[in-house]
Every structure is written in C-alpha cells, then in structure tokens.
Protein backbone atom coordinates (compact mmCIF):
# COMPACT_ATOMS: atom_id res chain seq x y z
CA MET A 1 105.83 110.44 119.91
CA PHE A 2 102.69 111.63 121.62
CA LYS A 3 99.39 110.14 122.67
CA ALA A 4 96.46 109.84 120.36
CA ARG A 5 93.51 111.91 121.51
CA ASN A 6 89.89 111.15 120.83
CA PHE A 7 90.88 108.04 118.87
CA LYS A 8 90.21 104.37 119.35
CA PHE A 9 93.45 102.58 118.63
CA ARG A 10 92.62 99.33 116.83
CA ASN A 11 96.17 97.93 116.93
CA HIS A 12 95.89 96.72 113.33
CA PRO A 13 95.79 98.56 110.03
CA ASP A 14 93.35 98.26 107.16
CA TYR A 15 94.75 95.05 105.71
CA THR A 16 92.83 95.33 102.45
CA PHE A 17 94.50 98.65 101.70
CA ILE A 18 97.95 97.32 102.60
CA VAL A 19 97.49 94.15 100.53
CA CYS A 20 96.40 96.23 97.50
CA ALA A 21 99.54 98.36 97.81
CA LEU A 22 101.65 95.19 97.98
CA LEU A 23 99.87 93.65 94.98
CA LEU A 24 100.35 96.79 92.89
CA THR A 25 104.06 96.92 93.78
CA VAL A 26 104.68 93.26 92.97
CA PHE A 27 102.62 93.47 89.80
CA GLY A 28 104.65 96.50 88.74
CA LEU A 29 107.97 94.75 89.27
CA VAL A 30 106.82 91.65 87.40
CA MET A 31 105.58 93.66 84.41
CA LEU A 32 108.68 95.88 84.45
CA SER A 33 110.84 92.75 84.17
CA SER A 34 109.01 91.91 80.95
CA ALA A 35 108.66 95.41 79.51
CA SER A 36 112.34 96.31 80.13
CA SER A 37 114.10 93.05 79.25
CA ASP A 38 114.86 93.83 75.61
CA LEU A 39 115.66 97.48 76.32
CA GLY A 40 118.07 96.53 79.11
CA LYS A 41 119.79 93.98 76.87
CA ILE A 42 120.21 96.47 74.03
CA LYS A 43 121.41 99.43 76.13
CA PHE A 44 123.36 97.78 78.95
CA ASN A 45 123.73 94.13 77.87
CA ASP A 46 121.78 93.26 81.02
CA THR A 47 118.24 91.92 80.65
CA TYR A 48 117.37 92.84 84.23
CA TYR A 49 119.14 96.21 84.44
CA TYR A 50 115.98 98.29 84.87
CA LEU A 51 114.38 95.77 87.21
CA LYS A 52 117.42 95.72 89.49
CA HIS A 53 117.56 99.52 89.47
CA GLN A 54 113.87 99.70 90.39
CA ILE A 55 114.28 97.19 93.21
CA ILE A 56 117.28 98.97 94.72
CA TYR A 57 116.26 102.62 94.39
CA GLY A 58 112.49 102.27 94.18
CA LEU A 59 111.45 99.27 96.24
CA GLY A 60 114.41 99.54 98.61
CA LEU A 61 113.91 103.19 99.51
CA GLY A 62 110.14 102.77 99.25
CA ALA A 63 110.15 99.92 101.77
CA ILE A 64 112.15 102.08 104.19
CA GLY A 65 109.72 104.96 103.63
CA PHE A 66 106.70 102.70 104.05
CA LEU A 67 107.94 101.13 107.29
CA PHE A 68 109.00 104.49 108.75
CA ALA A 69 105.64 106.09 107.89
CA PHE A 70 103.70 103.02 109.03
CA PHE A 71 105.24 102.84 112.51
CA ILE A 72 105.70 106.56 113.23
CA ASP A 73 102.61 108.41 114.50
CA TYR A 74 101.19 110.22 111.47
CA ARG A 75 101.02 113.52 113.39
CA PHE A 76 104.81 113.63 113.16
CA TRP A 77 104.32 114.89 109.58
CA GLN A 78 102.18 117.76 110.85
CA LYS A 79 105.13 119.00 112.90
CA ILE A 80 107.61 119.07 110.02
CA ALA A 81 105.22 120.06 107.20
CA ALA A 82 106.61 123.56 106.59
CA PRO A 83 110.35 122.62 106.69
CA LEU A 84 109.62 119.63 104.47
CA LEU A 85 108.00 121.80 101.79
CA ILE A 86 110.76 124.42 101.98
CA LEU A 87 113.39 121.71 101.51
CA ASN A 88 111.48 120.32 98.53
CA LEU A 89 111.22 123.78 96.91
CA PHE A 90 114.97 124.16 97.38
CA LEU A 91 115.51 120.85 95.58
CA LEU A 92 113.30 122.06 92.74
CA VAL A 93 115.54 125.10 92.34
CA LEU A 94 118.68 122.92 92.40
CA VAL A 95 117.44 121.22 89.23
CA PHE A 96 118.55 124.36 87.34
CA THR A 97 122.08 124.22 88.75
CA PRO A 98 124.97 121.98 87.61
CA LEU A 99 123.50 119.27 89.86
CA GLY A 100 120.49 118.99 87.57
CA PHE A 101 120.33 117.15 84.27
CA SER A 102 117.85 116.87 81.43
CA HIS A 103 116.25 114.04 79.51
CA ALA A 104 114.07 114.39 76.41
CA SER A 105 114.18 118.22 76.68
CA ALA A 106 112.85 118.13 80.25
CA SER A 107 114.87 119.36 83.26
CA ARG A 108 113.45 117.36 86.15
CA TRP A 109 116.27 115.41 87.78
CA LEU A 110 119.04 115.90 90.33
CA ASP A 111 122.22 113.85 90.03
CA LEU A 112 123.32 112.84 93.52
CA GLY A 113 126.17 110.70 92.24
CA PHE A 114 124.96 107.32 93.46
CA MET A 115 121.39 107.93 92.27
CA SER A 116 119.12 110.47 90.58
CA VAL A 117 116.11 112.12 92.22
CA GLN A 118 113.06 113.81 90.71
CA PRO A 119 112.04 116.62 93.13
CA ALA A 120 108.62 117.07 91.45
CA GLU A 121 107.73 113.52 92.56
CA LEU A 122 108.71 114.35 96.15
CA LEU A 123 106.47 117.41 95.93
CA LYS A 124 103.41 115.17 95.59
CA PHE A 125 104.12 114.18 99.18
CA SER A 126 105.40 117.40 100.75
CA PHE A 127 102.83 119.75 99.20
CA ILE A 128 99.89 117.63 100.37
CA VAL A 129 101.36 117.29 103.86
CA TYR A 130 101.85 121.06 104.06
CA LEU A 131 98.31 121.85 102.90
CA ALA A 132 96.79 119.34 105.33
CA ALA A 133 98.81 120.77 108.24
CA TRP A 134 98.05 124.37 107.25
CA LEU A 135 94.31 123.77 106.94
CA ALA A 136 94.06 121.68 110.12
CA PRO A 137 96.40 123.30 112.67
CA ARG A 138 96.95 121.54 116.00
CA ALA A 139 95.63 124.52 117.94
CA LYS A 140 91.94 125.05 117.34
CA GLY A 141 90.73 128.59 116.98
CA ALA A 142 89.61 131.38 114.69
CA ASN A 143 92.63 131.08 112.40
CA LYS A 144 91.49 127.67 111.22
CA GLU A 145 88.10 129.00 110.13
CA LYS A 146 89.70 131.99 108.39
CA ARG A 147 91.84 129.76 106.22
CA GLN A 148 88.73 128.18 104.75
CA LYS A 149 86.47 131.22 104.53
CA ASP A 150 88.53 134.41 104.48
CA PHE A 151 90.08 135.64 101.22
CA TRP A 152 93.20 137.32 102.59
CA ALA A 153 93.86 134.95 105.50
CA GLY A 154 93.21 131.76 103.57
CA TYR A 155 92.48 131.84 99.87
CA PHE A 156 95.15 134.33 98.85
CA PRO A 157 97.98 132.46 100.64
CA PHE A 158 96.67 129.22 99.09
CA LEU A 159 96.92 130.78 95.62
CA VAL A 160 100.41 132.16 96.29
CA ILE A 161 101.95 128.88 97.46
CA SER A 162 100.13 126.91 94.75
CA GLY A 163 101.28 129.38 92.12
CA LEU A 164 104.90 129.19 93.28
CA VAL A 165 104.84 125.40 93.18
CA ALA A 166 103.16 125.40 89.75
CA VAL A 167 105.69 127.80 88.21
CA LEU A 168 108.69 125.81 89.48
CA ILE A 169 107.32 122.62 87.93
CA ILE A 170 106.12 124.19 84.67
CA ILE A 171 109.56 125.56 83.85
CA GLN A 172 110.80 121.97 84.19
CA ARG A 173 108.40 121.10 81.33
CA SER A 174 106.21 118.88 83.51
CA THR A 175 102.69 120.13 82.86
CA SER A 176 101.02 116.87 83.85
CA ALA A 177 102.70 116.91 87.28
CA VAL A 178 101.35 120.42 87.85
CA ALA A 179 97.83 119.30 86.93
CA ILE A 180 98.00 116.29 89.28
CA ILE A 181 99.43 118.17 92.27
CA MET A 182 97.16 121.20 91.87
CA ALA A 183 94.02 119.08 91.39
CA ALA A 184 94.80 117.03 94.49
CA GLY A 185 95.60 120.20 96.45
CA LEU A 186 92.30 121.74 95.42
CA LEU A 187 90.43 118.63 96.58
CA VAL A 188 92.17 118.92 99.96
CA TYR A 189 91.12 122.58 100.16
CA PHE A 190 87.53 121.65 99.24
CA VAL A 191 87.28 118.85 101.83
CA SER A 192 88.65 121.21 104.49
CA GLY A 193 85.48 123.30 104.14
CA ALA A 194 86.59 126.07 101.78
CA ARG A 195 84.00 128.28 100.15
CA LEU A 196 82.67 127.00 96.85
CA SER A 197 83.39 130.41 95.31
CA PHE A 198 87.08 129.88 96.10
CA ILE A 199 87.00 126.39 94.57
CA PHE A 200 85.29 127.46 91.35
CA SER A 201 87.55 130.51 91.03
CA THR A 202 90.60 128.28 91.34
CA ILE A 203 89.25 125.87 88.71
CA PHE A 204 88.66 128.79 86.35
CA LEU A 205 92.14 130.21 86.93
CA GLY A 206 93.69 126.76 86.49
CA LEU A 207 91.90 126.08 83.21
CA LEU A 208 92.76 129.56 81.95
CA GLY A 209 96.42 129.09 82.85
CA LEU A 210 96.47 125.66 81.23
CA ALA A 211 94.91 127.02 78.04
CA LEU A 212 97.49 129.82 77.83
CA LEU A 213 100.32 127.39 78.55
CA VAL A 214 99.18 125.03 75.80
CA SER A 215 98.63 127.89 73.34
CA TYR A 216 102.18 129.20 73.71
CA SER A 217 103.91 125.80 73.86
CA PRO A 218 104.21 124.18 70.41
CA TYR A 219 104.78 120.63 71.67
CA ARG A 220 101.84 120.84 74.09
CA LEU A 221 99.60 122.35 71.44
CA ASP A 222 100.64 119.63 69.02
CA ARG A 223 99.50 116.95 71.47
CA VAL A 224 96.09 118.57 71.89
CA GLU A 225 95.64 119.04 68.15
CA THR A 226 96.65 115.41 67.51
CA TYR A 227 94.11 114.21 70.07
CA LEU A 228 91.33 116.29 68.51
CA LYS A 229 92.20 114.96 65.05
CA MET A 230 92.02 111.39 66.32
CA VAL A 231 88.68 112.00 68.03
CA THR A 232 87.15 113.58 64.93
CA GLY A 233 88.68 111.01 62.56
CA SER A 234 90.64 113.58 60.59
CA GLU A 235 92.58 112.27 57.60
CA SER A 236 95.47 114.64 58.28
CA ILE A 237 96.78 112.69 61.28
CA ASP A 238 100.49 111.93 61.07
CA TYR A 239 100.75 108.40 62.50
CA GLU A 240 104.53 108.39 62.06
CA SER A 241 105.09 111.54 64.08
CA SER A 242 102.75 113.31 66.51
CA ALA A 243 100.27 110.41 66.79
CA PHE A 244 102.90 107.66 66.71
CA GLN A 245 102.96 106.73 70.41
CA VAL A 246 99.19 106.70 70.88
CA ASN A 247 98.67 104.77 67.66
CA GLN A 248 101.26 102.13 68.59
CA SER A 249 99.76 101.87 72.07
CA LEU A 250 96.30 101.26 70.67
CA ILE A 251 97.67 98.62 68.27
CA SER A 252 99.46 96.89 71.16
CA MET A 253 96.38 96.94 73.38
CA GLY A 254 94.16 95.66 70.58
CA SER A 255 96.52 92.82 69.68
CA GLY A 256 96.29 91.46 73.22
CA GLY A 257 92.65 90.51 72.81
CA PHE A 258 90.88 89.03 75.83
CA TRP A 259 93.60 86.72 77.21
CA GLY A 260 96.74 88.41 75.85
CA VAL A 261 99.65 87.06 73.83
CA GLY A 262 101.40 85.77 76.94
CA PHE A 263 103.78 87.16 79.55
CA GLY A 264 107.01 88.35 77.95
CA GLN A 265 105.67 87.82 74.43
CA SER A 266 104.99 91.45 73.45
CA THR A 267 106.60 92.36 70.14
CA ALA A 268 105.70 96.04 70.22
CA LYS A 269 107.76 96.80 73.34
CA PHE A 270 111.09 96.58 71.52
CA LYS A 271 110.09 97.25 67.92
CA ARG A 272 107.63 100.12 67.77
CA LEU A 273 106.24 101.17 71.16
CA PRO A 274 107.91 104.31 72.64
CA GLU A 275 108.57 104.44 76.40
CA PRO A 276 107.48 100.82 77.13
CA ILE A 277 108.79 100.93 80.70
CA SER A 278 107.22 104.23 81.72
CA ASP A 279 104.39 106.06 79.90
CA SER A 280 103.34 103.09 77.75
CA ILE A 281 103.67 100.21 80.21
CA PHE A 282 99.87 99.82 80.38
CA ALA A 283 99.90 99.05 76.65
CA VAL A 284 102.47 96.29 77.28
CA ILE A 285 100.28 94.91 80.08
CA SER A 286 97.23 94.93 77.82
CA GLU A 287 99.12 93.18 75.01
CA GLU A 288 100.70 90.46 77.15
CA LEU A 289 97.89 89.86 79.66
CA GLY A 290 94.95 90.95 77.52
CA PHE A 291 91.72 92.56 78.62
CA ILE A 292 91.52 90.29 81.66
CA GLY A 293 94.94 91.38 82.92
CA ALA A 294 94.35 95.09 82.29
CA ALA A 295 90.90 94.92 83.91
CA SER A 296 92.34 93.11 86.94
CA LEU A 297 94.96 95.83 87.39
CA ILE A 298 92.30 98.55 87.17
CA GLY A 299 90.22 96.57 89.68
CA ILE A 300 93.07 96.49 92.20
CA PHE A 301 93.57 100.22 91.73
CA GLY A 302 89.83 100.73 92.28
CA VAL A 303 89.78 98.81 95.57
CA PHE A 304 92.96 100.58 96.70
CA PHE A 305 91.49 104.04 96.08
CA VAL A 306 88.05 103.25 97.53
CA LYS A 307 89.58 101.81 100.70
CA GLY A 308 91.78 104.89 101.02
CA PHE A 309 88.80 107.24 100.86
CA MET A 310 86.89 105.00 103.29
CA ILE A 311 89.74 105.34 105.81
CA ALA A 312 89.58 109.12 105.36
CA LYS A 313 85.82 109.09 105.94
CA LYS A 314 86.15 107.13 109.19
CA THR A 315 88.83 109.24 110.84
CA ALA A 316 87.80 112.02 113.20
CA ASP A 317 91.08 113.91 112.89
CA GLN A 318 91.02 116.69 110.32
CA PHE A 319 94.72 116.49 109.49
CA ALA A 320 94.47 112.73 108.94
CA LYS A 321 91.39 113.14 106.75
CA LEU A 322 93.00 115.81 104.58
CA ILE A 323 96.32 114.03 104.15
CA ILE A 324 94.57 110.83 103.01
CA VAL A 325 92.31 112.70 100.60
CA GLY A 326 95.38 114.39 99.14
CA PHE A 327 97.51 111.26 98.82
CA VAL A 328 94.76 109.08 97.36
CA SER A 329 93.74 111.87 94.97
CA VAL A 330 97.31 112.20 93.68
CA MET A 331 97.54 108.47 92.98
CA ALA A 332 94.02 108.17 91.54
CA ILE A 333 94.34 111.19 89.25
CA GLN A 334 97.74 110.06 88.01
CA ALA A 335 96.54 106.52 87.32
CA PHE A 336 93.51 107.83 85.45
CA ILE A 337 95.56 110.23 83.33
CA ASN A 338 98.09 107.56 82.38
CA ILE A 339 95.53 104.95 81.39
CA ALA A 340 93.24 107.44 79.64
CA ALA A 341 96.09 109.04 77.67
CA ILE A 342 97.62 105.76 76.52
CA SER A 343 94.13 104.54 75.55
CA GLY A 344 93.49 107.62 73.40
CA LEU A 345 90.80 109.03 75.69
CA MET A 346 92.73 112.25 76.34
CA PRO A 347 95.83 113.99 74.98
CA LEU A 348 99.15 112.22 75.57
CA THR A 349 100.80 113.47 78.76
CA GLY A 350 103.85 111.39 79.60
CA VAL A 351 102.59 110.51 83.09
CA PRO A 352 103.90 107.24 84.60
CA LEU A 353 101.47 104.69 86.06
CA PRO A 354 101.68 104.67 89.90
CA PHE A 355 103.47 101.63 91.38
CA ILE A 356 103.85 100.11 87.90
CA SER A 357 106.02 102.33 85.68
CA TYR A 358 109.80 102.54 85.96
CA GLY A 359 110.95 105.31 88.30
CA GLY A 360 112.59 104.90 91.69
CA THR A 361 111.55 108.25 93.16
CA SER A 362 107.94 107.73 92.14
CA LEU A 363 107.67 104.24 93.65
CA ALA A 364 109.38 105.32 96.87
CA VAL A 365 107.00 108.28 97.28
CA PHE A 366 103.86 106.23 96.64
CA LEU A 367 104.95 103.50 99.07
CA THR A 368 105.63 106.15 101.72
CA MET A 369 102.15 107.59 101.12
CA ALA A 370 100.70 104.10 101.59
CA GLY A 371 102.62 103.79 104.86
CA VAL A 372 101.16 107.03 106.21
CA ILE A 373 97.63 105.97 105.29
CA GLY A 374 98.23 102.54 106.84
CA ASN A 375 99.34 104.22 110.07
CA ILE A 376 96.24 106.42 110.14
CA SER A 377 94.00 103.40 109.56
CA LYS A 378 95.14 101.99 112.93
CA TYR A 379 93.36 104.84 114.72
CA ASN A 380 89.89 104.34 113.20
C-alpha cells in the first residue's frame, strides 16, 4: 500500500453509487428467482437451483471481489495490469483445450471442476485495467504523450493488442462481447487524449471488420436480416424461427402493461420465451412488473452510470479517470445492447443484462468493478 498523492481523502465513498450497485444486485437476484423457478424445477427438480448457483458463484465471489477492490488502494491494479491481462489471454486460449466446453455452439467456458468460468467476462476487467495503466503510466514523461499522439509508439500497439483480444473472442463466437470491450477500450483511448484521427480510423476499421464478420457468418447475417425485415414490416418474417425470440419478448413486454401481471406470474417464461434467465430476463421483468418496473430498473441503471462518470470527472488521477470511464462504459454499453435488442430496437445479440441476468462470472466481475470505483470515489 502506498500513500495517495495530490488527493484529498474523504474517508467515505460515493454512497449513491454503492447503493445503486446494491439495488441492482438485489433486484437481479429477486427477478432471477422468479424467471428461473420453472426452469429449475423442470431441469433439476429444484425451484431455486439457478438462484442458489448465482448466490454462491456470483454474489459470493462478487462480494469478495467488491470488498477486496473497495479496501485495496486502486493503484494496486496499475501495478499488476500487464500480468493480469496476460493471465486472462492464457485463459482465453485454454477454452480451446479439453478444459473448455461449449454451449449452444459457442466455446466460451472453462470447466474448473467445482465451477465454470467465462474468460471473456474477465477480460472486460483486465483489458480496461491494462489500457488505463498503459495510457497513464506512473512515471510522467515523453512516453505518455507518445502513446496518445504517435502512430508507432501508441496507436499501432493499441491496434495490435485490441486486434489480438478481438480475434480470441470472435473465434469463441461472442461478437457482442467484442463490440462491448472494443467500444469501451476506444472510449478510454479517446478520454486519454488520443488524436481524433486515430479514433475515427479505429471506428472505421471496427465497422468494416464487423460488416465482414456478419457477411461471412450465416447466423449473424440471419439476425441482421431478421431485424431489417421487422423494421420494414416485411411479410416474409419467420416468427417461428429467426424472429421467434424477439417476437416472444415483445409479446411478453406488451402483456405486462403499465403495472405488470404480478411477480412470479409470467406465463411466457416457461412456455414460449427463450433464455428467460439470461438474454430475455428484461422481457420477464417487463411482463411481471410492467412499464413501471422496467422504467424503475432503467432509472437505477441511469443513476448508477451518471454517478460513475461524475466520479471520473472529479478525480485528478489519470489512471483512476480512465479505469472508471472504461468500467462504466462496459456496463452501460452492455445494458443498452441487452435492452435494445430484446425490445426490437437492434439485432438480437445474446448479451446478458449486467447485475440482473444469470451468470456467476459476469456478476462477480461487475461487482469487482463497482468496488474499484467505490475505492476511487474516496479520494475525490
């Protein structure tokens, strides 16, 4: 541990931010208990199977991560940024060994025996930490400026590491995770003071790569074509195949009305709605709690994200500023994509809703991010 320099230590965190993180976590567990009850009973003869799994491997590990990050000086992460990313890249490679396993044609998980881990979720933490540390080194000097302004000293290495990360995730068939991580990374690079020409060039390369990826991937292309058909009102939409999940989500959301059908009373979650505990959990929330419940959840997310960016704006430390921008961007972009996709506002992606959807690794990572931001808020 080392002393804070040029900081006024307030001795208390931003309580609004912490309370929002707590509310989102509790809300997620409550809604998961409803969304997963029938599925757990059918598959494991245990109504609370998924809830218990989420509490043990998501909330349990997440609470440890949150407390560790909250009480350890945030500059600790700057010291271990490079080894942390290297370890995460190694875990990504292990997915393609006998330790890895697939689900729904996607190879994204490691089987550790007592639990499974999704390395791409961990990358949302380690990649942002690495970028923040790389762009805001502890020793001030010319190298820092070169990483923002010089092509070979800064932009080219940024493209190389981003490209390596993107390729490792793409071959796991997780396009949405690539988009989230790369977009957040680009925002970190922009806030660090990078040239606008570098930013716009990266956006162009990213969109070009995404277009090529979609064009040569039948299932990705099918999702885009289905979305365009729905937007234009085409009569050739197959509501029992490619448009099934979005259509059922919209029906569920619409049936909730303003007040909802009541907690635990959703009928779509076990009859027609695919992935009710992960991708489609927002549809279950909208059906059971109605517009008022869905709007309240979005409101909590909004306060959470705004407070995060406000903490970043207040801090005088460049590393702290960049790490918060990256973490909040990851969570905000992912929340937007999930809600927009399940509402038919963009092509279906399969992205879980932060803090809410089932997924132990995801919840643990987001709670650890919240802990880091809470720690930084004590120095403003």
